[in-house]
C-alpha atoms as a PDB file:
ATOM      1  CA  MET A   1      -0.009  -0.246  -0.309  1.00  0.00           C
ATOM      2  CA  LEU A   2       2.470   2.590   0.828  1.00  0.00           C
ATOM      3  CA  MET A   3       4.608   1.597  -2.012  1.00  0.00           C
ATOM      4  CA  GLU A   4       1.471   2.193  -4.206  1.00  0.00           C
ATOM      5  CA  ALA A   5       1.027   5.739  -2.169  1.00  0.00           C
ATOM      6  CA  GLU A   6       4.713   6.934  -3.081  1.00  0.00           C
ATOM      7  CA  LEU A   7       4.199   5.592  -7.003  1.00  0.00           C
ATOM      8  CA  THR A   8       0.881   7.675  -7.274  1.00  0.00           C
ATOM      9  CA  SER A   9       2.524  10.488  -5.388  1.00  0.00           C
ATOM     10  CA  LEU A  10       5.305  10.582  -7.765  1.00  0.00           C
ATOM     11  CA  ASP A  11       2.939  10.401 -10.679  1.00  0.00           C
ATOM     12  CA  ASP A  12       0.830  13.311  -9.530  1.00  0.00           C
ATOM     13  CA  LYS A  13       4.232  15.522  -9.301  1.00  0.00           C
ATOM     14  CA  ILE A  14       5.720  14.503 -12.509  1.00  0.00           C
ATOM     15  CA  SER A  15       2.285  15.272 -14.169  1.00  0.00           C
ATOM     16  CA  GLN A  16       2.727  18.763 -12.463  1.00  0.00           C
ATOM     17  CA  LEU A  17       5.843  19.152 -13.636  1.00  0.00           C
ATOM     18  CA  VAL A  18       4.760  18.478 -17.535  1.00  0.00           C
ATOM     19  CA  ARG A  19       1.992  20.771 -16.974  1.00  0.00           C
ATOM     20  CA  LEU A  20       4.327  23.437 -15.611  1.00  0.00           C
ATOM     21  CA  THR A  21       7.177  22.741 -18.259  1.00  0.00           C
ATOM     22  CA  GLN A  22       4.361  23.118 -21.187  1.00  0.00           C
ATOM     23  CA  LYS A  23       2.985  26.510 -19.651  1.00  0.00           C
ATOM     24  CA  LEU A  24       6.638  27.658 -19.336  1.00  0.00           C
ATOM     25  CA  ARG A  25       7.556  26.962 -22.992  1.00  0.00           C
ATOM     26  CA  GLU A  26       4.209  28.876 -24.030  1.00  0.00           C
ATOM     27  CA  ASP A  27       4.983  31.661 -21.775  1.00  0.00           C
ATOM     28  CA  ASN A  28       8.483  31.872 -23.521  1.00  0.00           C
ATOM     29  CA  SER A  29       7.148  31.771 -26.947  1.00  0.00           C
ATOM     30  CA  GLN A  30       5.208  34.325 -26.171  1.00  0.00           C
ATOM     31  CA  LEU A  31       7.699  36.602 -24.656  1.00  0.00           C
ATOM     32  CA  ARG A  32      10.088  36.013 -27.906  1.00  0.00           C
ATOM     33  CA  GLN A  33       7.142  37.283 -30.265  1.00  0.00           C
ATOM     34  CA  ASN A  34       6.501  40.233 -27.711  1.00  0.00           C
ATOM     35  CA  LEU A  35       9.920  41.163 -27.784  1.00  0.00           C
ATOM     36  CA  ALA A  36      10.303  40.876 -31.304  1.00  0.00           C
ATOM     37  CA  SER A  37       7.501  43.004 -31.723  1.00  0.00           C
ATOM     38  CA  VAL A  38       9.078  45.546 -29.163  1.00  0.00           C
ATOM     39  CA  GLN A  39      12.285  45.630 -30.997  1.00  0.00           C
ATOM     40  CA  ALA A  40      10.688  46.103 -34.886  1.00  0.00           C
ATOM     41  CA  GLN A  41       8.625  49.561 -33.185  1.00  0.00           C
ATOM     42  CA  ASN A  42      11.842  50.610 -31.554  1.00  0.00           C
ATOM     43  CA  LYS A  43      13.653  50.442 -34.703  1.00  0.00           C
ATOM     44  CA  LEU A  44      10.836  52.219 -36.299  1.00  0.00           C
ATOM     45  CA  LEU A  45      10.740  54.859 -33.903  1.00  0.00           C
ATOM     46  CA  SER A  46      14.416  55.687 -33.871  1.00  0.00           C
ATOM     47  CA  GLU A  47      14.474  56.128 -37.552  1.00  0.00           C
ATOM     48  CA  LYS A  48      11.764  58.523 -37.314  1.00  0.00           C
ATOM     49  CA  VAL A  49      14.093  60.285 -34.454  1.00  0.00           C
ATOM     50  CA  ILE A  50      16.965  60.145 -37.248  1.00  0.00           C
ATOM     51  CA  THR A  51      14.786  61.594 -39.353  1.00  0.00           C
ATOM     52  CA  ALA A  52      13.250  64.129 -37.467  1.00  0.00           C
ATOM     53  CA  LYS A  53      16.719  65.271 -36.205  1.00  0.00           C
ATOM     54  CA  THR A  54      17.709  65.682 -39.593  1.00  0.00           C
ATOM     55  CA  ARG A  55      15.210  68.040 -40.821  1.00  0.00           C
ATOM     56  CA  LEU A  56      15.137  69.794 -37.652  1.00  0.00           C
ATOM     57  CA  GLU A  57      18.771  70.273 -38.405  1.00  0.00           C
ATOM     58  CA  ALA A  58      18.223  71.521 -41.950  1.00  0.00           C
ATOM     59  CA  LEU A  59      15.388  73.748 -41.209  1.00  0.00           C
ATOM     60  CA  LEU A  60      18.093  75.407 -38.319  1.00  0.00           C
ATOM     61  CA  THR A  61      20.495  75.991 -41.026  1.00  0.00           C
ATOM     62  CA  GLN A  62      18.037  78.273 -42.606  1.00  0.00           C
ATOM     63  CA  ILE A  63      17.378  80.191 -40.090  1.00  0.00           C
ATOM     64  CA  PRO A  64      19.343  83.784 -40.312  1.00  0.00           C
ATOM     65  CA  ASP A  65      22.098  84.089 -37.800  1.00  0.00           C
ATOM     66  CA  GLY A  66      20.951  87.460 -35.907  1.00  0.00           C
ATOM     67  CA  ALA A  67      18.600  90.347 -36.415  1.00  0.00           C
ATOM     68  CA  GLU A  68      20.338  93.024 -38.149  1.00  0.00           C
END
């Protein structure tokens, strides 16, 4: 009886471990997708900042240096 109870307990623990491992794999996959999306957004925003900086610098060169 005791051996059977221990085996049942071990089986339950293994089942829990399998479920937890699967959940962690799914979470990891979702996090990788989220990271890729955020990195793409970051790249786009960085490019927009560079474009805005370039345009602003071009506009600043057109402003006269002083009041005459």
